[in-house]
Amino acid sequence: MEPGTVVWRDTAQSLLRHRWLIIGCVLLGIGGAAVFSLSQTERWTASSQVVIGPAVPPALVGDLPTGADKTGPLGLDLPAETQARVMASPAILREVAKFLQMPTTDDSVQSLSGVTRVKAVTDNAYLITIDGPTADEAVRRANAIAQIYLAQRSREAKALLVTLASQASDRAKTANAQSKSLVSLINEAIQRNDTQYAAALRDQRVGLATEARQAADQAAAMNKALSGVGASSQLVTPATKDTATSSPLVSRDITVGAILGLVLGFGLALISTHLSPFILTRDQAARAAASPVIAASIGHRRFRLGFRWRFWLRASPQLPPSEITGLGTEASGALARRELNPRGIGASGAGALLVVSASPNRNSAGVALAMAEASARDGRETLLVLADLRGTPVLSHVTDHEGLTDLVNEPAPTRAVRARKLFRPGTVADLYVLPPGLSSDESALAIGPSLVPGIVADLPPGYSVVIHGPASVGRHGITPLAAAVDASVLVVQVGQDKETDLTRLTAALRFAGAPVLGVVLIGASKHDETLGIPLNFTPAETTPPLR
């Protein structure tokens, strides 16, 4: 299988395992969007379009003197964007409020400005959009802004033309007066026979007359242009009444909320899976242990909701005895397949097997007992060594008997004989149990596991041994226990065991000569349908049993 296929498969399974988290995020997004949308004030929108022409004919403005006032708040020289801003300015909106008989306070004008939008579509076309509490009010506001602005622009243009015409008339009068005053000066120069000076005065008088005539023409043209001011500016598209509100848009908001909730759910699900340090799937367990999953139990429902609750609840649920027995039987059957078990552990030959977990696990001892029972039922004399001296006893009838820790003070020559006397009958025929013992002394707890290799070596031929070891690498006894067995089985708790802990324990067991043959997975999701076989896994060559 291609690695890309595995990635997509893991991603799909991750989303499926966290389906309740995703559904919850979607419902949260829908609920939040609905509350937000329904809490909004009902708002209607209307739009009008105006076309604005030059307020003062450019030909007249171009002929004005340089010092003349030919610009203003609505003058010709303002660009389109500035015109749009002027339409939406508080000065215009205050006049609109007066026209519509609305309050003209600063707060009211600012509120009106907040719902007004003016866009310059072209150099002389503008789109006015405004919101209102009702459809009729929105239409009134949109049309009123256009009308007030055009009227204000026409008034200012007329005032500008009147001012400029008055200035032109004054210049004409001044030029005529100056021309008349030159007549007496010309007569005096002729009487003095000063023809040169008289000719200069005549030229000056002609210039003044020309200037007076031009100024009079400009004044007449401006007065004539007053009647055409605003003719090229008009409300070309009046606002019309909408049939639906622009806010709240409940369906749109709910759709957006659902999409955002879905994205949030997907993100949390992927983060929970790919950034979690804990084992969550069969493939993760197989990759960490570098061994296939040979048996798995489906986790309880309350441990699979949302984030599996294991971000704050890390206890291992105690499996019922029937399920533990099924796991042990399934694991023993998998080990009997020699393609997975080249050393013959659990097959017809004898062997020693270590059952261990990477973290404290109440189920691992039950799995060890179930595997020992399965071996005994197959007709082999089997010894179950409970070497997890601090673990929870799994057999109530052997808790009050001497065992492994009581052999610490026994002399070495007689230790093997004494150990066989401590074997207690198990739950089925041909099954014997070596209990942890009664001694709770720290030295006995530390030395006890190191006695297991000698006990296993002194057993009569034909015995199969299952050892339940301590629960972590740092505890006493992993190395001697691993040296006493031929192989090991790793019990992994989904959502509790960390991937790094499994990797370290697997490496330690392999280094000590007890390679992990398979993984017993507890708490797997029923949606995780993978085989739990690590990538590039190839069965080892079959070899005869060691015993």
Protein backbone atom coordinates (compact mmCIF):
# COMPACT_ATOMS: atom_id res chain seq x y z
CA MET A 1 0.00 0.00 0.00
CA GLU A 2 1.33 3.41 -0.94
CA PRO A 3 2.23 5.77 1.94
CA GLY A 4 -0.13 8.43 0.56
CA THR A 5 -3.00 5.96 0.76
CA VAL A 6 -2.16 5.30 4.40
CA VAL A 7 -2.15 9.03 5.19
CA TRP A 8 -5.57 9.58 3.62
CA ARG A 9 -6.93 6.47 5.28
CA ASP A 10 -5.65 7.59 8.70
CA THR A 11 -7.12 11.04 8.14
CA ALA A 12 -10.52 9.64 7.20
CA GLN A 13 -10.52 7.31 10.18
CA SER A 14 -9.51 10.17 12.45
CA LEU A 15 -12.47 12.24 11.26
CA LEU A 16 -14.78 9.26 11.72
CA ARG A 17 -13.55 8.60 15.25
CA HIS A 18 -14.14 12.25 16.15
CA ARG A 19 -17.51 12.48 14.43
CA TRP A 20 -19.26 13.64 17.62
CA LEU A 21 -16.68 16.38 18.06
CA ILE A 22 -17.23 17.50 14.46
CA ILE A 23 -21.02 17.34 14.81
CA GLY A 24 -20.77 19.32 18.04
CA CYS A 25 -18.66 22.03 16.38
CA VAL A 26 -21.14 22.23 13.47
CA LEU A 27 -24.07 22.55 15.87
CA LEU A 28 -22.15 25.15 17.85
CA GLY A 29 -21.47 27.13 14.67
CA ILE A 30 -25.13 26.89 13.60
CA GLY A 31 -26.36 27.91 17.04
CA GLY A 32 -23.92 30.80 17.34
CA ALA A 33 -24.75 32.05 13.85
CA ALA A 34 -28.49 31.81 14.53
CA VAL A 35 -28.19 33.72 17.80
CA PHE A 36 -25.99 36.37 16.16
CA SER A 37 -28.29 36.72 13.16
CA LEU A 38 -31.55 36.88 15.11
CA SER A 39 -30.08 39.42 17.54
CA GLN A 40 -29.33 41.86 14.72
CA THR A 41 -31.59 44.85 14.13
CA GLU A 42 -33.77 44.43 11.06
CA ARG A 43 -32.26 46.50 8.26
CA TRP A 44 -33.35 47.32 4.71
CA THR A 45 -31.07 48.59 1.95
CA ALA A 46 -31.82 50.89 -0.98
CA SER A 47 -29.59 52.28 -3.75
CA SER A 48 -29.86 55.25 -6.10
CA GLN A 49 -27.57 56.41 -8.90
CA VAL A 50 -26.77 59.99 -9.92
CA VAL A 51 -24.86 61.49 -12.82
CA ILE A 52 -23.07 64.77 -12.16
CA GLY A 53 -22.07 67.21 -14.90
CA PRO A 54 -19.99 70.38 -14.60
CA ALA A 55 -21.68 72.95 -12.37
CA VAL A 56 -19.94 75.91 -14.14
CA PRO A 57 -19.20 75.67 -17.89
CA PRO A 58 -15.48 74.97 -18.30
CA ALA A 59 -15.25 77.61 -21.09
CA LEU A 60 -16.28 80.32 -18.65
CA VAL A 61 -13.98 79.09 -15.91
CA GLY A 62 -11.03 78.91 -18.28
CA ASP A 63 -11.38 82.58 -19.21
CA LEU A 64 -11.47 83.79 -15.64
CA PRO A 65 -8.47 85.66 -14.21
CA THR A 66 -5.95 83.64 -12.28
CA GLY A 67 -6.91 85.13 -8.94
CA ALA A 68 -10.63 84.44 -9.31
CA ASP A 69 -12.28 81.90 -6.99
CA LYS A 70 -13.22 79.08 -9.37
CA THR A 71 -13.18 76.13 -6.86
CA GLY A 72 -15.25 75.32 -3.83
CA PRO A 73 -16.53 72.33 -1.80
CA LEU A 74 -18.48 71.25 -4.90
CA GLY A 75 -16.31 72.87 -7.56
CA LEU A 76 -15.20 71.47 -10.88
CA ASP A 77 -11.68 70.61 -9.81
CA LEU A 78 -12.72 67.96 -7.20
CA PRO A 79 -11.96 64.36 -8.31
CA ALA A 80 -14.62 61.64 -8.34
CA GLU A 81 -13.52 60.00 -5.07
CA THR A 82 -13.67 63.38 -3.31
CA GLN A 83 -17.14 63.99 -4.69
CA ALA A 84 -18.21 60.60 -3.28
CA ARG A 85 -16.83 61.51 0.13
CA VAL A 86 -18.62 64.86 0.06
CA MET A 87 -21.94 63.08 -0.61
CA ALA A 88 -21.46 60.92 2.50
CA SER A 89 -20.06 63.76 4.63
CA PRO A 90 -21.81 64.91 7.82
CA ALA A 91 -22.48 68.33 6.25
CA ILE A 92 -24.64 66.83 3.49
CA LEU A 93 -26.19 64.22 5.82
CA ARG A 94 -27.21 66.93 8.29
CA GLU A 95 -29.16 68.61 5.51
CA VAL A 96 -30.66 65.23 4.61
CA ALA A 97 -31.74 64.75 8.23
CA LYS A 98 -33.43 68.16 8.19
CA PHE A 99 -35.17 67.33 4.92
CA LEU A 100 -36.42 63.99 6.31
CA GLN A 101 -37.39 65.60 9.63
CA MET A 102 -34.94 63.41 11.53
CA PRO A 103 -32.91 64.50 14.59
CA THR A 104 -29.91 66.61 13.59
CA THR A 105 -27.75 65.94 16.64
CA ASP A 106 -24.17 64.85 16.16
CA ASP A 107 -24.96 61.30 17.28
CA SER A 108 -27.88 61.04 14.85
CA VAL A 109 -25.77 62.35 11.97
CA GLN A 110 -22.92 59.95 12.82
CA SER A 111 -25.39 57.07 12.94
CA LEU A 112 -26.71 58.06 9.52
CA SER A 113 -23.15 58.34 8.23
CA GLY A 114 -22.38 54.82 9.45
CA VAL A 115 -25.05 53.28 7.20
CA THR A 116 -24.32 55.44 4.14
CA ARG A 117 -22.02 54.25 1.38
CA VAL A 118 -21.23 56.21 -1.81
CA LYS A 119 -19.14 54.71 -4.60
CA ALA A 120 -17.79 56.46 -7.68
CA VAL A 121 -18.75 54.08 -10.50
CA THR A 122 -17.22 56.29 -13.24
CA ASP A 123 -15.83 59.81 -13.35
CA ASN A 124 -19.31 61.33 -13.19
CA ALA A 125 -21.61 58.48 -12.05
CA TYR A 126 -22.11 57.66 -8.36
CA LEU A 127 -23.94 54.85 -6.58
CA ILE A 128 -25.54 55.81 -3.26
CA THR A 129 -26.41 52.92 -0.90
CA ILE A 130 -27.97 53.41 2.53
CA ASP A 131 -29.66 51.26 5.18
CA GLY A 132 -32.93 52.01 6.89
CA PRO A 133 -35.25 50.49 9.49
CA THR A 134 -37.91 49.91 6.81
CA ALA A 135 -37.93 49.55 3.05
CA ASP A 136 -39.75 52.86 2.58
CA GLU A 137 -37.36 54.71 4.87
CA ALA A 138 -34.32 53.29 3.04
CA VAL A 139 -35.75 54.49 -0.28
CA ARG A 140 -36.48 57.95 1.14
CA ARG A 141 -32.94 58.26 2.49
CA ALA A 142 -31.23 57.12 -0.72
CA ASN A 143 -33.24 59.50 -2.90
CA ALA A 144 -32.94 62.35 -0.40
CA ILE A 145 -29.14 62.17 -0.39
CA ALA A 146 -29.05 62.42 -4.19
CA GLN A 147 -31.57 65.27 -4.26
CA ILE A 148 -29.95 67.24 -1.43
CA TYR A 149 -26.49 66.87 -2.92
CA LEU A 150 -27.57 67.93 -6.40
CA ALA A 151 -29.49 70.88 -4.99
CA GLN A 152 -26.56 71.92 -2.79
CA ARG A 153 -24.19 71.61 -5.73
CA SER A 154 -26.49 73.72 -7.93
CA ARG A 155 -26.81 76.40 -5.24
CA GLU A 156 -23.09 76.67 -4.76
CA ALA A 157 -22.52 76.69 -8.54
CA LYS A 158 -25.08 79.50 -8.95
CA ALA A 159 -23.52 81.44 -6.10
CA LEU A 160 -20.14 81.03 -7.76
CA LEU A 161 -21.49 82.23 -11.13
CA VAL A 162 -23.19 85.21 -9.53
CA THR A 163 -20.00 86.13 -7.73
CA LEU A 164 -17.91 85.77 -10.86
CA ALA A 165 -20.45 87.71 -12.98
CA SER A 166 -20.44 90.50 -10.41
CA GLN A 167 -16.65 90.59 -10.49
CA ALA A 168 -16.73 90.74 -14.33
CA SER A 169 -19.29 93.60 -14.26
CA ASP A 170 -17.15 95.51 -11.79
CA ARG A 171 -14.14 95.10 -14.04
CA ALA A 172 -16.18 96.38 -17.04
CA LYS A 173 -17.37 99.42 -15.10
CA THR A 174 -13.87 100.19 -13.90
CA ALA A 175 -12.48 99.90 -17.43
CA ASN A 176 -15.22 102.23 -18.82
CA ALA A 177 -14.58 104.79 -16.11
CA GLN A 178 -10.85 104.72 -16.76
CA SER A 179 -11.54 105.01 -20.53
CA LYS A 180 -13.72 108.12 -20.01
CA SER A 181 -11.05 109.74 -17.82
CA LEU A 182 -8.56 109.46 -20.68
CA VAL A 183 -10.67 111.68 -22.99
CA SER A 184 -9.69 114.93 -21.23
CA LEU A 185 -6.05 113.88 -21.13
CA ILE A 186 -6.10 113.25 -24.89
CA ASN A 187 -7.66 116.69 -25.59
CA GLU A 188 -5.02 118.41 -23.45
CA ALA A 189 -2.23 116.60 -25.30
CA ILE A 190 -3.67 117.69 -28.70
CA GLN A 191 -3.86 121.33 -27.52
CA ARG A 192 -0.17 121.11 -26.56
CA ASN A 193 0.61 119.62 -29.95
CA ASP A 194 1.97 116.52 -28.12
CA THR A 195 0.83 114.05 -30.75
CA GLN A 196 3.00 111.22 -29.50
CA TYR A 197 1.55 111.31 -26.00
CA ALA A 198 -1.96 111.68 -27.43
CA ALA A 199 -1.46 108.55 -29.59
CA ALA A 200 -0.29 106.56 -26.56
CA LEU A 201 -3.35 107.63 -24.60
CA ARG A 202 -5.60 106.68 -27.52
CA ASP A 203 -4.03 103.15 -27.59
CA GLN A 204 -4.53 102.83 -23.82
CA ARG A 205 -8.16 103.95 -24.19
CA VAL A 206 -8.72 101.32 -26.90
CA GLY A 207 -7.30 98.62 -24.60
CA LEU A 208 -9.54 99.66 -21.73
CA ALA A 209 -12.55 99.64 -24.03
CA THR A 210 -11.66 96.15 -25.22
CA GLU A 211 -11.22 94.94 -21.61
CA ALA A 212 -14.56 96.51 -20.62
CA ARG A 213 -16.30 94.83 -23.54
CA GLN A 214 -14.79 91.43 -22.75
CA ALA A 215 -15.70 91.71 -19.07
CA ALA A 216 -19.23 92.71 -20.01
CA ASP A 217 -19.47 89.72 -22.36
CA GLN A 218 -18.23 87.38 -19.59
CA ALA A 219 -20.75 88.80 -17.15
CA ALA A 220 -23.54 88.37 -19.70
CA ALA A 221 -22.45 84.78 -20.44
CA MET A 222 -22.35 83.90 -16.74
CA ASN A 223 -25.75 85.41 -16.12
CA LYS A 224 -27.06 83.45 -19.09
CA ALA A 225 -25.40 80.24 -17.75
CA LEU A 226 -27.28 80.61 -14.45
CA SER A 227 -30.40 79.20 -16.09
CA GLY A 228 -28.56 76.03 -17.15
CA VAL A 229 -26.83 75.22 -13.84
CA GLY A 230 -27.54 71.61 -12.80
CA ALA A 231 -29.15 70.66 -16.10
CA SER A 232 -26.49 67.99 -16.76
CA SER A 233 -26.72 66.54 -13.21
CA GLN A 234 -29.66 64.33 -12.36
CA LEU A 235 -30.91 61.36 -10.39
CA VAL A 236 -30.88 58.82 -13.21
CA THR A 237 -31.88 55.75 -11.15
CA PRO A 238 -34.10 56.49 -8.15
CA ALA A 239 -34.11 53.97 -5.33
CA THR A 240 -36.82 51.32 -5.32
CA LYS A 241 -38.33 49.35 -2.46
CA ASP A 242 -36.70 45.96 -1.69
CA THR A 243 -38.84 42.91 -1.05
CA ALA A 244 -36.41 41.34 1.47
CA THR A 245 -34.26 42.69 4.25
CA SER A 246 -30.52 42.98 3.89
CA SER A 247 -30.09 42.04 7.55
CA PRO A 248 -30.50 39.71 9.25
CA LEU A 249 -29.90 37.05 6.59
CA VAL A 250 -30.56 34.03 8.78
CA SER A 251 -30.03 31.37 6.12
CA ARG A 252 -26.75 32.90 4.97
CA ASP A 253 -25.45 33.33 8.52
CA ILE A 254 -26.41 29.78 9.47
CA THR A 255 -24.70 28.41 6.36
CA VAL A 256 -21.53 30.36 7.14
CA GLY A 257 -21.69 29.22 10.79
CA ALA A 258 -22.08 25.59 9.74
CA ILE A 259 -19.09 25.84 7.38
CA LEU A 260 -16.94 27.47 10.06
CA GLY A 261 -18.04 24.84 12.60
CA LEU A 262 -17.19 22.07 10.14
CA VAL A 263 -13.74 23.55 9.55
CA LEU A 264 -13.20 23.94 13.30
CA GLY A 265 -14.32 20.35 13.93
CA PHE A 266 -12.02 18.99 11.23
CA GLY A 267 -9.12 21.02 12.60
CA LEU A 268 -9.65 19.88 16.20
CA ALA A 269 -10.05 16.27 15.09
CA LEU A 270 -6.80 16.31 13.10
CA ILE A 271 -4.94 18.14 15.86
CA SER A 272 -6.24 15.65 18.43
CA THR A 273 -5.04 12.74 16.31
CA HIS A 274 -1.77 13.91 14.81
CA LEU A 275 -0.46 16.01 17.70
CA SER A 276 -1.53 13.67 20.49
CA PRO A 277 1.40 11.76 22.04
CA PHE A 278 -0.89 8.83 22.87
CA ILE A 279 -1.66 5.75 20.84
CA LEU A 280 -5.09 6.12 19.19
CA THR A 281 -5.17 3.60 16.34
CA ARG A 282 -4.06 0.10 15.43
CA ASP A 283 -1.54 1.41 12.95
CA GLN A 284 0.04 3.70 15.52
CA ALA A 285 0.41 0.83 17.97
CA ALA A 286 1.88 -1.43 15.28
CA ARG A 287 4.35 1.19 14.11
CA ALA A 288 5.47 2.03 17.65
CA ALA A 289 6.00 -1.63 18.57
CA ALA A 290 7.27 -2.62 15.10
CA SER A 291 4.95 -5.66 15.40
CA PRO A 292 1.45 -6.47 14.15
CA VAL A 293 -1.67 -6.21 16.29
CA ILE A 294 -2.64 -9.81 17.05
CA ALA A 295 -5.71 -9.09 19.21
CA ALA A 296 -7.84 -6.05 19.93
CA SER A 297 -10.87 -5.14 22.00
CA ILE A 298 -13.33 -2.36 21.21
CA GLY A 299 -13.21 0.43 23.77
CA HIS A 300 -16.20 1.43 25.88
CA ARG A 301 -18.45 4.10 24.40
CA ARG A 302 -17.79 6.67 27.11
CA PHE A 303 -14.09 6.55 26.26
CA ARG A 304 -14.63 7.33 22.58
CA LEU A 305 -16.61 10.58 22.66
CA GLY A 306 -15.04 13.83 21.42
CA PHE A 307 -11.43 13.92 22.55
CA ARG A 308 -11.98 10.44 24.03
CA TRP A 309 -12.08 12.19 27.40
CA ARG A 310 -8.51 11.00 27.82
CA PHE A 311 -7.01 14.45 27.83
CA TRP A 312 -8.07 14.62 31.48
CA LEU A 313 -9.10 11.01 32.24
CA ARG A 314 -6.30 8.47 31.77
CA ALA A 315 -7.57 5.50 33.79
CA SER A 316 -7.76 2.13 32.05
CA PRO A 317 -11.28 0.71 31.97
CA GLN A 318 -11.34 -2.76 33.49
CA LEU A 319 -12.40 -5.24 30.81
CA PRO A 320 -14.87 -7.96 31.79
CA PRO A 321 -13.37 -11.44 32.31
CA SER A 322 -15.07 -12.86 29.23
CA GLU A 323 -13.50 -10.21 27.00
CA ILE A 324 -10.06 -10.67 28.55
CA THR A 325 -10.33 -14.43 28.01
CA GLY A 326 -11.27 -13.82 24.38
CA LEU A 327 -8.26 -11.53 23.92
CA GLY A 328 -5.88 -14.09 25.41
CA THR A 329 -7.29 -16.90 23.27
CA GLU A 330 -7.06 -14.77 20.13
CA ALA A 331 -3.48 -13.77 20.95
CA SER A 332 -2.48 -17.39 21.58
CA GLY A 333 -4.03 -18.43 18.28
CA ALA A 334 -2.10 -15.70 16.47
CA LEU A 335 1.17 -16.85 18.06
CA ALA A 336 0.46 -20.42 16.97
CA ARG A 337 0.78 -19.23 13.36
CA ARG A 338 4.44 -19.80 12.74
CA GLU A 339 4.64 -17.08 10.08
CA LEU A 340 4.19 -14.57 12.90
CA ASN A 341 6.01 -16.63 15.52
CA PRO A 342 9.26 -18.13 14.16
CA ARG A 343 10.31 -19.35 17.61
CA GLY A 344 7.24 -21.49 18.11
CA ILE A 345 5.92 -19.72 21.20
CA GLY A 346 2.40 -20.98 21.82
CA ALA A 347 2.75 -23.73 19.20
CA SER A 348 3.30 -27.42 19.84
CA GLY A 349 6.74 -26.84 21.28
CA ALA A 350 7.59 -25.35 24.69
CA GLY A 351 8.69 -21.78 25.20
CA ALA A 352 8.74 -18.81 27.56
CA LEU A 353 6.73 -15.69 26.86
CA LEU A 354 6.71 -12.28 28.58
CA VAL A 355 3.51 -10.25 28.69
CA VAL A 356 4.23 -6.63 29.51
CA SER A 357 2.71 -3.17 29.09
CA ALA A 358 4.27 0.27 28.72
CA SER A 359 2.23 1.85 31.51
CA PRO A 360 0.34 0.65 34.60
CA ASN A 361 -2.50 -1.41 33.18
CA ARG A 362 -4.98 -3.52 35.10
CA ASN A 363 -5.80 -5.51 31.98
CA SER A 364 -2.31 -6.75 31.10
CA ALA A 365 -2.27 -9.28 33.96
CA GLY A 366 -5.65 -10.57 32.79
CA VAL A 367 -4.30 -11.00 29.25
CA ALA A 368 -1.29 -12.94 30.62
CA LEU A 369 -3.63 -15.21 32.62
CA ALA A 370 -5.85 -15.77 29.57
CA MET A 371 -2.86 -16.67 27.37
CA ALA A 372 -1.60 -19.11 30.04
CA GLU A 373 -5.06 -20.67 30.25
CA ALA A 374 -5.17 -21.05 26.46
CA SER A 375 -1.78 -22.78 26.50
CA ALA A 376 -2.90 -25.13 29.30
CA ARG A 377 -6.10 -26.01 27.46
CA ASP A 378 -3.97 -27.08 24.49
CA GLY A 379 -2.52 -29.83 26.69
CA ARG A 380 0.77 -28.22 27.71
CA GLU A 381 1.84 -27.85 31.31
CA THR A 382 2.01 -24.11 31.75
CA LEU A 383 3.46 -21.95 34.48
CA LEU A 384 2.16 -18.39 34.99
CA VAL A 385 4.72 -16.24 36.81
CA LEU A 386 3.20 -13.04 38.28
CA ALA A 387 6.39 -10.99 38.29
CA ASP A 388 4.69 -7.58 38.44
CA LEU A 389 5.24 -7.40 42.18
CA ARG A 390 3.44 -4.09 42.63
CA GLY A 391 0.56 -4.84 40.28
CA THR A 392 -3.00 -5.79 41.11
CA PRO A 393 -3.42 -9.54 41.75
CA VAL A 394 -5.59 -11.28 39.18
CA LEU A 395 -6.15 -14.54 41.12
CA SER A 396 -7.75 -14.12 44.52
CA HIS A 397 -6.89 -17.67 45.66
CA VAL A 398 -3.12 -17.05 45.44
CA THR A 399 -2.91 -13.64 47.12
CA ASP A 400 -2.25 -15.10 50.56
CA HIS A 401 0.51 -17.53 49.56
CA GLU A 402 4.26 -17.31 49.51
CA GLY A 403 5.81 -16.71 46.15
CA LEU A 404 8.55 -14.96 44.20
CA THR A 405 9.58 -12.37 46.79
CA ASP A 406 9.84 -15.03 49.52
CA LEU A 407 12.56 -16.85 47.58
CA VAL A 408 15.02 -13.98 48.03
CA ASN A 409 16.41 -15.36 51.31
CA GLU A 410 16.35 -18.99 50.12
CA PRO A 411 19.82 -20.51 49.48
CA ALA A 412 20.64 -20.95 45.82
CA PRO A 413 21.04 -24.79 45.91
CA THR A 414 17.52 -25.31 47.26
CA ARG A 415 15.80 -22.35 45.55
CA ALA A 416 14.58 -24.34 42.52
CA VAL A 417 13.06 -27.08 44.66
CA ARG A 418 11.44 -24.52 46.96
CA ALA A 419 10.07 -22.61 43.99
CA ARG A 420 8.29 -25.69 42.59
CA LYS A 421 6.67 -26.18 46.00
CA LEU A 422 5.26 -22.65 45.77
CA PHE A 423 3.46 -23.35 42.49
CA ARG A 424 -0.29 -23.05 43.04
CA PRO A 425 -3.04 -24.63 40.93
CA GLY A 426 -4.42 -22.26 38.34
CA THR A 427 -7.92 -21.78 37.01
CA VAL A 428 -7.73 -24.71 34.57
CA ALA A 429 -6.00 -28.08 34.50
CA ASP A 430 -2.25 -28.14 33.71
CA LEU A 431 -1.96 -24.45 34.73
CA TYR A 432 0.25 -23.52 37.67
CA VAL A 433 0.88 -20.10 39.13
CA LEU A 434 3.90 -18.64 40.93
CA PRO A 435 2.40 -15.79 43.02
CA PRO A 436 4.20 -12.52 43.75
CA GLY A 437 4.73 -13.55 47.37
CA LEU A 438 4.04 -12.06 50.74
CA SER A 439 7.22 -10.05 51.31
CA SER A 440 6.84 -6.29 50.81
CA ASP A 441 10.43 -5.44 51.65
CA GLU A 442 12.04 -3.12 49.08
CA SER A 443 15.07 -5.37 48.65
CA ALA A 444 12.82 -8.38 48.01
CA LEU A 445 10.78 -6.39 45.47
CA ALA A 446 13.98 -5.33 43.73
CA ILE A 447 15.66 -8.74 43.65
CA GLY A 448 12.57 -10.92 43.09
CA PRO A 449 12.34 -10.54 39.28
CA SER A 450 16.02 -11.46 38.90
CA LEU A 451 15.22 -14.92 40.30
CA VAL A 452 12.87 -15.73 37.41
CA PRO A 453 15.59 -16.79 34.90
CA GLY A 454 16.91 -19.46 37.27
CA ILE A 455 13.41 -20.73 38.05
CA VAL A 456 12.56 -21.00 34.36
CA ALA A 457 15.89 -22.74 33.59
CA ASP A 458 15.30 -25.37 36.30
CA LEU A 459 11.82 -26.32 35.06
CA PRO A 460 11.37 -29.88 33.72
CA PRO A 461 11.27 -30.26 29.95
CA GLY A 462 7.95 -29.57 28.28
CA TYR A 463 6.83 -26.60 30.38
CA SER A 464 5.43 -23.50 28.72
CA VAL A 465 5.98 -20.33 30.74
CA VAL A 466 3.99 -17.10 30.65
CA ILE A 467 5.41 -14.23 32.69
CA HIS A 468 3.50 -11.07 33.52
CA GLY A 469 6.16 -8.43 33.98
CA PRO A 470 6.37 -4.97 35.49
CA ALA A 471 4.54 -2.19 33.73
CA SER A 472 7.32 0.16 32.68
CA VAL A 473 10.95 0.18 31.57
CA GLY A 474 12.10 2.10 34.62
CA ARG A 475 10.75 -0.45 37.09
CA HIS A 476 12.95 -3.24 38.49
CA GLY A 477 13.12 -6.50 36.63
CA ILE A 478 12.54 -5.83 32.92
CA THR A 479 16.05 -6.85 31.83
CA PRO A 480 16.28 -10.17 33.77
CA LEU A 481 12.72 -11.07 32.79
CA ALA A 482 13.46 -10.37 29.12
CA ALA A 483 16.58 -12.55 29.38
CA ALA A 484 14.47 -15.42 30.77
CA VAL A 485 12.04 -15.60 27.87
CA ASP A 486 12.15 -16.28 24.16
CA ALA A 487 9.80 -13.51 23.08
CA SER A 488 7.28 -11.03 24.40
CA VAL A 489 3.80 -9.68 23.80
CA LEU A 490 3.01 -6.01 24.35
CA VAL A 491 -0.32 -4.96 25.88
CA VAL A 492 -1.24 -1.44 24.73
CA GLN A 493 -4.03 0.76 26.07
CA VAL A 494 -5.49 3.14 23.46
CA GLY A 495 -5.42 6.74 24.64
CA GLN A 496 -3.27 5.94 27.68
CA ASP A 497 0.03 4.58 26.40
CA LYS A 498 2.39 7.09 24.82
CA GLU A 499 4.04 6.26 21.53
CA THR A 500 7.50 7.13 22.85
CA ASP A 501 7.06 4.78 25.82
CA LEU A 502 6.11 1.93 23.50
CA THR A 503 9.09 2.60 21.25
CA ARG A 504 11.53 2.60 24.18
CA LEU A 505 10.07 -0.55 25.72
CA THR A 506 10.14 -2.36 22.39
CA ALA A 507 13.78 -1.40 21.86
CA ALA A 508 14.71 -2.56 25.38
CA LEU A 509 12.99 -5.92 24.90
CA ARG A 510 14.61 -6.47 21.51
CA PHE A 511 18.04 -5.60 22.96
CA ALA A 512 17.52 -8.06 25.84
CA GLY A 513 16.66 -10.88 23.45
CA ALA A 514 12.86 -10.87 23.87
CA PRO A 515 11.53 -9.35 20.64
CA VAL A 516 7.90 -8.30 20.59
CA LEU A 517 5.91 -10.79 18.50
CA GLY A 518 2.64 -8.91 18.59
CA VAL A 519 0.47 -6.28 20.24
CA VAL A 520 -2.71 -6.82 22.21
CA LEU A 521 -4.68 -3.58 21.80
CA ILE A 522 -7.24 -2.55 24.41
CA GLY A 523 -9.77 0.21 23.76
CA ALA A 524 -9.59 0.31 19.96
CA SER A 525 -12.24 2.17 18.02
CA LYS A 526 -14.75 0.11 16.07
CA HIS A 527 -14.22 2.52 13.17
CA ASP A 528 -10.52 1.67 12.99
CA GLU A 529 -10.77 -1.18 10.53
CA THR A 530 -7.08 -1.46 9.66
CA LEU A 531 -5.20 -4.69 10.13
CA GLY A 532 -2.65 -3.12 12.44
CA ILE A 533 0.30 -4.40 10.45
CA PRO A 534 3.26 -1.99 10.29
CA LEU A 535 4.38 -0.72 6.91
CA ASN A 536 6.97 -2.84 5.09
CA PHE A 537 6.41 -5.70 7.57
CA THR A 538 7.86 -9.00 6.39
CA PRO A 539 7.46 -12.25 8.38
CA ALA A 540 10.70 -13.61 9.78
CA GLU A 541 12.12 -16.96 8.73
CA THR A 542 10.62 -19.89 10.63
CA THR A 543 12.97 -21.67 13.03
CA PRO A 544 12.53 -24.61 15.38
CA PRO A 545 11.40 -23.81 18.93
CA LEU A 546 14.11 -22.94 21.43
CA ARG A 547 12.83 -25.50 23.92
